[in-house]
PDB file of N, CA and C in Angstrom:
ATOM      1  N   MET A   1     -17.572   1.654  14.789  1.00  0.00           N
ATOM      2  CA  MET A   1     -17.128   0.541  13.976  1.00  0.00           C
ATOM      3  C   MET A   1     -17.519   0.723  12.515  1.00  0.00           C
ATOM      4  N   CYS A   2     -18.689   1.253  12.259  1.00  0.00           N
ATOM      5  CA  CYS A   2     -19.126   1.435  10.871  1.00  0.00           C
ATOM      6  C   CYS A   2     -18.212   2.390  10.122  1.00  0.00           C
ATOM      7  N   GLY A   3     -17.693   3.406  10.806  1.00  0.00           N
ATOM      8  CA  GLY A   3     -16.792   4.349  10.164  1.00  0.00           C
ATOM      9  C   GLY A   3     -15.522   3.667   9.692  1.00  0.00           C
ATOM     10  N   VAL A   4     -15.039   2.724  10.465  1.00  0.00           N
ATOM     11  CA  VAL A   4     -13.827   1.993  10.089  1.00  0.00           C
ATOM     12  C   VAL A   4     -14.082   1.146   8.860  1.00  0.00           C
ATOM     13  N   ILE A   5     -15.209   0.469   8.829  1.00  0.00           N
ATOM     14  CA  ILE A   5     -15.541  -0.388   7.692  1.00  0.00           C
ATOM     15  C   ILE A   5     -15.733   0.445   6.434  1.00  0.00           C
ATOM     16  N   SER A   6     -16.443   1.541   6.519  1.00  0.00           N
ATOM     17  CA  SER A   6     -16.691   2.333   5.323  1.00  0.00           C
ATOM     18  C   SER A   6     -15.416   2.981   4.808  1.00  0.00           C
ATOM     19  N   SER A   7     -14.528   3.420   5.707  1.00  0.00           N
ATOM     20  CA  SER A   7     -13.295   4.029   5.231  1.00  0.00           C
ATOM     21  C   SER A   7     -12.366   2.973   4.645  1.00  0.00           C
ATOM     22  N   ALA A   8     -12.340   1.777   5.228  1.00  0.00           N
ATOM     23  CA  ALA A   8     -11.511   0.705   4.683  1.00  0.00           C
ATOM     24  C   ALA A   8     -12.033   0.271   3.319  1.00  0.00           C
ATOM     25  N   ALA A   9     -13.331   0.294   3.132  1.00  0.00           N
ATOM     26  CA  ALA A   9     -13.920  -0.114   1.860  1.00  0.00           C
ATOM     27  C   ALA A   9     -13.572   0.864   0.745  1.00  0.00           C
ATOM     28  N   SER A  10     -13.298   2.114   1.084  1.00  0.00           N
ATOM     29  CA  SER A  10     -12.993   3.101   0.054  1.00  0.00           C
ATOM     30  C   SER A  10     -11.498   3.223  -0.220  1.00  0.00           C
ATOM     31  N   MET A  11     -10.684   2.393   0.435  1.00  0.00           N
ATOM     32  CA  MET A  11      -9.241   2.449   0.214  1.00  0.00           C
ATOM     33  C   MET A  11      -8.892   1.825  -1.135  1.00  0.00           C
ATOM     34  N   THR A  12      -7.856   2.353  -1.736  1.00  0.00           N
ATOM     35  CA  THR A  12      -7.385   1.847  -3.020  1.00  0.00           C
ATOM     36  C   THR A  12      -6.096   1.052  -2.812  1.00  0.00           C
ATOM     37  N   PRO A  13      -5.666   0.300  -3.818  1.00  0.00           N
ATOM     38  CA  PRO A  13      -4.379  -0.399  -3.697  1.00  0.00           C
ATOM     39  C   PRO A  13      -3.226   0.570  -3.421  1.00  0.00           C
ATOM     40  N   LEU A  14      -3.332   1.780  -3.953  1.00  0.00           N
ATOM     41  CA  LEU A  14      -2.288   2.770  -3.713  1.00  0.00           C
ATOM     42  C   LEU A  14      -2.208   3.134  -2.236  1.00  0.00           C
ATOM     43  N   ASP A  15      -3.361   3.181  -1.551  1.00  0.00           N
ATOM     44  CA  ASP A  15      -3.369   3.467  -0.117  1.00  0.00           C
ATOM     45  C   ASP A  15      -2.588   2.408   0.646  1.00  0.00           C
ATOM     46  N   PHE A  16      -2.808   1.151   0.311  1.00  0.00           N
ATOM     47  CA  PHE A  16      -2.099   0.068   0.985  1.00  0.00           C
ATOM     48  C   PHE A  16      -0.610   0.107   0.673  1.00  0.00           C
ATOM     49  N   PHE A  17      -0.263   0.389  -0.578  1.00  0.00           N
ATOM     50  CA  PHE A  17       1.140   0.494  -0.966  1.00  0.00           C
ATOM     51  C   PHE A  17       1.813   1.642  -0.218  1.00  0.00           C
ATOM     52  N   ALA A  18       1.163   2.804  -0.208  1.00  0.00           N
ATOM     53  CA  ALA A  18       1.733   3.973   0.466  1.00  0.00           C
ATOM     54  C   ALA A  18       1.906   3.702   1.958  1.00  0.00           C
ATOM     55  N   TRP A  19       0.933   3.062   2.593  1.00  0.00           N
ATOM     56  CA  TRP A  19       1.059   2.770   4.010  1.00  0.00           C
ATOM     57  C   TRP A  19       2.257   1.847   4.272  1.00  0.00           C
ATOM     58  N   GLY A  20       2.498   0.899   3.376  1.00  0.00           N
ATOM     59  CA  GLY A  20       3.640   0.013   3.535  1.00  0.00           C
ATOM     60  C   GLY A  20       4.957   0.770   3.529  1.00  0.00           C
ATOM     61  N   VAL A  21       5.019   1.867   2.799  1.00  0.00           N
ATOM     62  CA  VAL A  21       6.233   2.682   2.732  1.00  0.00           C
ATOM     63  C   VAL A  21       6.291   3.660   3.904  1.00  0.00           C
ATOM     64  N   ILE A  22       5.169   4.286   4.219  1.00  0.00           N
ATOM     65  CA  ILE A  22       5.148   5.372   5.200  1.00  0.00           C
ATOM     66  C   ILE A  22       5.120   4.878   6.643  1.00  0.00           C
ATOM     67  N   LYS A  23       4.676   3.667   6.901  1.00  0.00           N
ATOM     68  CA  LYS A  23       4.524   3.197   8.282  1.00  0.00           C
ATOM     69  C   LYS A  23       5.818   3.251   9.076  1.00  0.00           C
ATOM     70  N   ASP A  24       6.968   3.194   8.415  1.00  0.00           N
ATOM     71  CA  ASP A  24       8.239   3.261   9.119  1.00  0.00           C
ATOM     72  C   ASP A  24       8.476   4.625   9.768  1.00  0.00           C
ATOM     73  N   VAL A  25       7.726   5.623   9.358  1.00  0.00           N
ATOM     74  CA  VAL A  25       7.825   6.954   9.949  1.00  0.00           C
ATOM     75  C   VAL A  25       7.567   6.897  11.451  1.00  0.00           C
ATOM     76  N   TYR A  26       6.727   5.976  11.870  1.00  0.00           N
ATOM     77  CA  TYR A  26       6.304   5.912  13.269  1.00  0.00           C
ATOM     78  C   TYR A  26       7.179   5.009  14.130  1.00  0.00           C
ATOM     79  N   ARG A  27       8.276   4.507  13.605  1.00  0.00           N
ATOM     80  CA  ARG A  27       9.147   3.620  14.392  1.00  0.00           C
ATOM     81  C   ARG A  27       9.887   4.378  15.488  1.00  0.00           C
ATOM     82  N   ARG A  28      10.197   5.628  15.235  1.00  0.00           N
ATOM     83  CA  ARG A  28      10.858   6.455  16.243  1.00  0.00           C
ATOM     84  C   ARG A  28       9.824   7.348  16.932  1.00  0.00           C
ATOM     85  N   LYS A  29      10.117   7.715  18.147  1.00  0.00           N
ATOM     86  CA  LYS A  29       9.206   8.592  18.886  1.00  0.00           C
ATOM     87  C   LYS A  29       9.113   9.951  18.189  1.00  0.00           C
ATOM     88  N   VAL A  30       7.905  10.457  18.083  1.00  0.00           N
ATOM     89  CA  VAL A  30       7.666  11.741  17.429  1.00  0.00           C
ATOM     90  C   VAL A  30       7.928  12.858  18.436  1.00  0.00           C
ATOM     91  N   ARG A  31       8.824  13.767  18.070  1.00  0.00           N
ATOM     92  CA  ARG A  31       9.140  14.890  18.961  1.00  0.00           C
ATOM     93  C   ARG A  31       8.049  15.941  18.930  1.00  0.00           C
ATOM     94  N   ASP A  32       7.649  16.325  17.719  1.00  0.00           N
ATOM     95  CA  ASP A  32       6.609  17.341  17.564  1.00  0.00           C
ATOM     96  C   ASP A  32       5.993  17.199  16.175  1.00  0.00           C
ATOM     97  N   LEU A  33       5.012  18.024  15.886  1.00  0.00           N
ATOM     98  CA  LEU A  33       4.297  17.934  14.621  1.00  0.00           C
ATOM     99  C   LEU A  33       5.211  18.211  13.428  1.00  0.00           C
ATOM    100  N   ALA A  34       6.128  19.159  13.577  1.00  0.00           N
ATOM    101  CA  ALA A  34       7.044  19.482  12.478  1.00  0.00           C
ATOM    102  C   ALA A  34       7.942  18.283  12.151  1.00  0.00           C
ATOM    103  N   ASP A  35       8.391  17.586  13.193  1.00  0.00           N
ATOM    104  CA  ASP A  35       9.217  16.385  13.005  1.00  0.00           C
ATOM    105  C   ASP A  35       8.431  15.316  12.251  1.00  0.00           C
ATOM    106  N   LEU A  36       7.202  15.077  12.664  1.00  0.00           N
ATOM    107  CA  LEU A  36       6.359  14.080  12.005  1.00  0.00           C
ATOM    108  C   LEU A  36       6.115  14.446  10.550  1.00  0.00           C
ATOM    109  N   ARG A  37       5.803  15.709  10.319  1.00  0.00           N
ATOM    110  CA  ARG A  37       5.541  16.162   8.952  1.00  0.00           C
ATOM    111  C   ARG A  37       6.768  15.948   8.067  1.00  0.00           C
ATOM    112  N   GLN A  38       7.940  16.296   8.566  1.00  0.00           N
ATOM    113  CA  GLN A  38       9.168  16.138   7.781  1.00  0.00           C
ATOM    114  C   GLN A  38       9.436  14.668   7.472  1.00  0.00           C
ATOM    115  N   ARG A  39       9.210  13.797   8.437  1.00  0.00           N
ATOM    116  CA  ARG A  39       9.427  12.362   8.202  1.00  0.00           C
ATOM    117  C   ARG A  39       8.460  11.820   7.160  1.00  0.00           C
ATOM    118  N   ILE A  40       7.203  12.262   7.201  1.00  0.00           N
ATOM    119  CA  ILE A  40       6.220  11.813   6.202  1.00  0.00           C
ATOM    120  C   ILE A  40       6.625  12.280   4.820  1.00  0.00           C
ATOM    121  N   ILE A  41       7.042  13.532   4.708  1.00  0.00           N
ATOM    122  CA  ILE A  41       7.474  14.071   3.411  1.00  0.00           C
ATOM    123  C   ILE A  41       8.656  13.269   2.872  1.00  0.00           C
ATOM    124  N   GLU A  42       9.623  12.988   3.726  1.00  0.00           N
ATOM    125  CA  GLU A  42      10.798  12.226   3.288  1.00  0.00           C
ATOM    126  C   GLU A  42      10.412  10.815   2.846  1.00  0.00           C
ATOM    127  N   ALA A  43       9.472  10.197   3.550  1.00  0.00           N
ATOM    128  CA  ALA A  43       9.036   8.846   3.185  1.00  0.00           C
ATOM    129  C   ALA A  43       8.313   8.845   1.842  1.00  0.00           C
ATOM    130  N   VAL A  44       7.463   9.822   1.621  1.00  0.00           N
ATOM    131  CA  VAL A  44       6.715   9.900   0.356  1.00  0.00           C
ATOM    132  C   VAL A  44       7.665  10.174  -0.802  1.00  0.00           C
ATOM    133  N   GLU A  45       8.696  10.958  -0.561  1.00  0.00           N
ATOM    134  CA  GLU A  45       9.660  11.256  -1.622  1.00  0.00           C
ATOM    135  C   GLU A  45      10.445  10.023  -2.055  1.00  0.00           C
ATOM    136  N   LEU A  46      10.471   8.993  -1.226  1.00  0.00           N
ATOM    137  CA  LEU A  46      11.166   7.749  -1.585  1.00  0.00           C
ATOM    138  C   LEU A  46      10.395   6.929  -2.621  1.00  0.00           C
ATOM    139  N   ILE A  47       9.103   7.190  -2.780  1.00  0.00           N
ATOM    140  CA  ILE A  47       8.282   6.446  -3.737  1.00  0.00           C
ATOM    141  C   ILE A  47       8.577   6.965  -5.141  1.00  0.00           C
ATOM    142  N   THR A  48       9.064   6.074  -5.984  1.00  0.00           N
ATOM    143  CA  THR A  48       9.409   6.460  -7.355  1.00  0.00           C
ATOM    144  C   THR A  48       8.293   6.057  -8.317  1.00  0.00           C
ATOM    145  N   PRO A  49       8.248   6.684  -9.486  1.00  0.00           N
ATOM    146  CA  PRO A  49       7.270   6.269 -10.491  1.00  0.00           C
ATOM    147  C   PRO A  49       7.414   4.789 -10.849  1.00  0.00           C
ATOM    148  N   HIS A  50       8.638   4.293 -10.874  1.00  0.00           N
ATOM    149  CA  HIS A  50       8.877   2.883 -11.183  1.00  0.00           C
ATOM    150  C   HIS A  50       8.221   1.976 -10.130  1.00  0.00           C
ATOM    151  N   MET A  51       8.307   2.361  -8.858  1.00  0.00           N
ATOM    152  CA  MET A  51       7.673   1.586  -7.785  1.00  0.00           C
ATOM    153  C   MET A  51       6.157   1.527  -7.992  1.00  0.00           C
ATOM    154  N   LEU A  52       5.561   2.647  -8.391  1.00  0.00           N
ATOM    155  CA  LEU A  52       4.108   2.690  -8.617  1.00  0.00           C
ATOM    156  C   LEU A  52       3.718   1.822  -9.804  1.00  0.00           C
ATOM    157  N   ILE A  53       4.513   1.875 -10.867  1.00  0.00           N
ATOM    158  CA  ILE A  53       4.242   1.036 -12.036  1.00  0.00           C
ATOM    159  C   ILE A  53       4.295  -0.437 -11.649  1.00  0.00           C
ATOM    160  N   ASN A  54       5.333  -0.824 -10.900  1.00  0.00           N
ATOM    161  CA  ASN A  54       5.451  -2.219 -10.465  1.00  0.00           C
ATOM    162  C   ASN A  54       4.268  -2.634  -9.602  1.00  0.00           C
ATOM    163  N   MET A  55       3.826  -1.741  -8.719  1.00  0.00           N
ATOM    164  CA  MET A  55       2.693  -2.052  -7.851  1.00  0.00           C
ATOM    165  C   MET A  55       1.434  -2.317  -8.674  1.00  0.00           C
ATOM    166  N   TRP A  56       1.172  -1.472  -9.671  1.00  0.00           N
ATOM    167  CA  TRP A  56      -0.026  -1.667 -10.500  1.00  0.00           C
ATOM    168  C   TRP A  56       0.086  -2.928 -11.348  1.00  0.00           C
ATOM    169  N   GLN A  57       1.284  -3.225 -11.860  1.00  0.00           N
ATOM    170  CA  GLN A  57       1.457  -4.450 -12.646  1.00  0.00           C
ATOM    171  C   GLN A  57       1.212  -5.686 -11.785  1.00  0.00           C
ATOM    172  N   GLU A  58       1.704  -5.674 -10.560  1.00  0.00           N
ATOM    173  CA  GLU A  58       1.486  -6.801  -9.654  1.00  0.00           C
ATOM    174  C   GLU A  58       0.000  -6.952  -9.334  1.00  0.00           C
ATOM    175  N   LEU A  59      -0.691  -5.843  -9.115  1.00  0.00           N
ATOM    176  CA  LEU A  59      -2.123  -5.896  -8.844  1.00  0.00           C
ATOM    177  C   LEU A  59      -2.876  -6.466 -10.047  1.00  0.00           C
ATOM    178  N   GLU A  60      -2.552  -6.002 -11.250  1.00  0.00           N
ATOM    179  CA  GLU A  60      -3.205  -6.523 -12.446  1.00  0.00           C
ATOM    180  C   GLU A  60      -2.954  -8.020 -12.600  1.00  0.00           C
ATOM    181  N   TYR A  61      -1.728  -8.461 -12.327  1.00  0.00           N
ATOM    182  CA  TYR A  61      -1.387  -9.873 -12.411  1.00  0.00           C
ATOM    183  C   TYR A  61      -2.254 -10.686 -11.453  1.00  0.00           C
ATOM    184  N   ARG A  62      -2.349 -10.228 -10.207  1.00  0.00           N
ATOM    185  CA  ARG A  62      -3.140 -10.965  -9.212  1.00  0.00           C
ATOM    186  C   ARG A  62      -4.625 -10.970  -9.551  1.00  0.00           C
ATOM    187  N   LEU A  63      -5.123  -9.866 -10.111  1.00  0.00           N
ATOM    188  CA  LEU A  63      -6.527  -9.832 -10.532  1.00  0.00           C
ATOM    189  C   LEU A  63      -6.763 -10.785 -11.697  1.00  0.00           C
ATOM    190  N   ASP A  64      -5.798 -10.868 -12.623  1.00  0.00           N
ATOM    191  CA  ASP A  64      -5.909 -11.816 -13.731  1.00  0.00           C
ATOM    192  C   ASP A  64      -5.977 -13.250 -13.219  1.00  0.00           C
ATOM    193  N   ILE A  65      -5.167 -13.564 -12.202  1.00  0.00           N
ATOM    194  CA  ILE A  65      -5.194 -14.901 -11.604  1.00  0.00           C
ATOM    195  C   ILE A  65      -6.582 -15.174 -11.018  1.00  0.00           C
ATOM    196  N   CYS A  66      -7.126 -14.197 -10.302  1.00  0.00           N
ATOM    197  CA  CYS A  66      -8.460 -14.374  -9.703  1.00  0.00           C
ATOM    198  C   CYS A  66      -9.525 -14.578 -10.778  1.00  0.00           C
ATOM    199  N   ARG A  67      -9.426 -13.819 -11.863  1.00  0.00           N
ATOM    200  CA  ARG A  67     -10.407 -13.974 -12.949  1.00  0.00           C
ATOM    201  C   ARG A  67     -10.269 -15.345 -13.611  1.00  0.00           C
ATOM    202  N   ALA A  68      -9.041 -15.794 -13.803  1.00  0.00           N
ATOM    203  CA  ALA A  68      -8.804 -17.074 -14.469  1.00  0.00           C
ATOM    204  C   ALA A  68      -9.290 -18.242 -13.622  1.00  0.00           C
ATOM    205  N   THR A  69      -9.229 -18.095 -12.318  1.00  0.00           N
ATOM    206  CA  THR A  69      -9.655 -19.185 -11.428  1.00  0.00           C
ATOM    207  C   THR A  69     -11.083 -18.976 -10.949  1.00  0.00           C
ATOM    208  N   THR A  70     -11.748 -18.002 -11.514  1.00  0.00           N
ATOM    209  CA  THR A  70     -13.123 -17.626 -11.142  1.00  0.00           C
ATOM    210  C   THR A  70     -13.295 -17.482  -9.634  1.00  0.00           C
ATOM    211  N   GLY A  71     -12.283 -16.898  -9.014  1.00  0.00           N
ATOM    212  CA  GLY A  71     -12.368 -16.591  -7.598  1.00  0.00           C
ATOM    213  C   GLY A  71     -12.043 -17.728  -6.660  1.00  0.00           C
ATOM    214  N   ALA A  72     -11.601 -18.882  -7.195  1.00  0.00           N
ATOM    215  CA  ALA A  72     -11.230 -20.000  -6.329  1.00  0.00           C
ATOM    216  C   ALA A  72     -10.053 -19.574  -5.449  1.00  0.00           C
ATOM    217  N   HIS A  73      -9.966 -20.160  -4.273  1.00  0.00           N
ATOM    218  CA  HIS A  73      -8.894 -19.790  -3.346  1.00  0.00           C
ATOM    219  C   HIS A  73      -7.539 -20.237  -3.885  1.00  0.00           C
ATOM    220  N   ILE A  74      -6.635 -19.266  -4.025  1.00  0.00           N
ATOM    221  CA  ILE A  74      -5.267 -19.571  -4.418  1.00  0.00           C
ATOM    222  C   ILE A  74      -4.340 -18.699  -3.564  1.00  0.00           C
ATOM    223  N   GLU A  75      -3.110 -19.106  -3.449  1.00  0.00           N
ATOM    224  CA  GLU A  75      -2.108 -18.300  -2.755  1.00  0.00           C
ATOM    225  C   GLU A  75      -0.984 -18.037  -3.717  1.00  0.00           C
ATOM    226  N   VAL A  76      -0.656 -16.762  -3.900  1.00  0.00           N
ATOM    227  CA  VAL A  76       0.405 -16.355  -4.792  1.00  0.00           C
ATOM    228  C   VAL A  76       1.535 -15.805  -3.952  1.00  0.00           C
ATOM    229  N   TYR A  77       2.685 -16.473  -3.997  1.00  0.00           N
ATOM    230  CA  TYR A  77       3.822 -16.024  -3.206  1.00  0.00           C
ATOM    231  C   TYR A  77       4.765 -15.153  -4.000  1.00  0.00           C
ATOM    232  N   GLY A  78       4.633 -15.117  -5.267  1.00  0.00           N
ATOM    233  CA  GLY A  78       5.505 -14.309  -6.096  1.00  0.00           C
ATOM    234  C   GLY A  78       5.710 -14.981  -7.433  1.00  0.00           C
ATOM    235  N   ARG A  79       6.221 -14.196  -8.346  1.00  0.00           N
ATOM    236  CA  ARG A  79       6.473 -14.734  -9.679  1.00  0.00           C
ATOM    237  C   ARG A  79       7.946 -15.019  -9.839  1.00  0.00           C
ATOM    238  N   ALA A  80       8.255 -15.979 -10.691  1.00  0.00           N
ATOM    239  CA  ALA A  80       9.665 -16.326 -10.938  1.00  0.00           C
ATOM    240  C   ALA A  80      10.279 -15.358 -11.913  1.00  0.00           C
TER     241      ALA A  80
END
């Protein structure tokens, strides 16, 4: 259990973003290692620089909200 906690603690926002994109690789049954590798490569190639920029801007926005509210509980569903 400690290994899970320590590895989760070292994850970055990019890790969570990448997992959101790559997790679809596992929706189909994996035939072999080469098939899995090719699907992962194709999924990663779908991530554009623009997507990464948007992800960081959204993270900065949410951190600004947390700083402004001094950590009070808020729920952000999206910006208009």
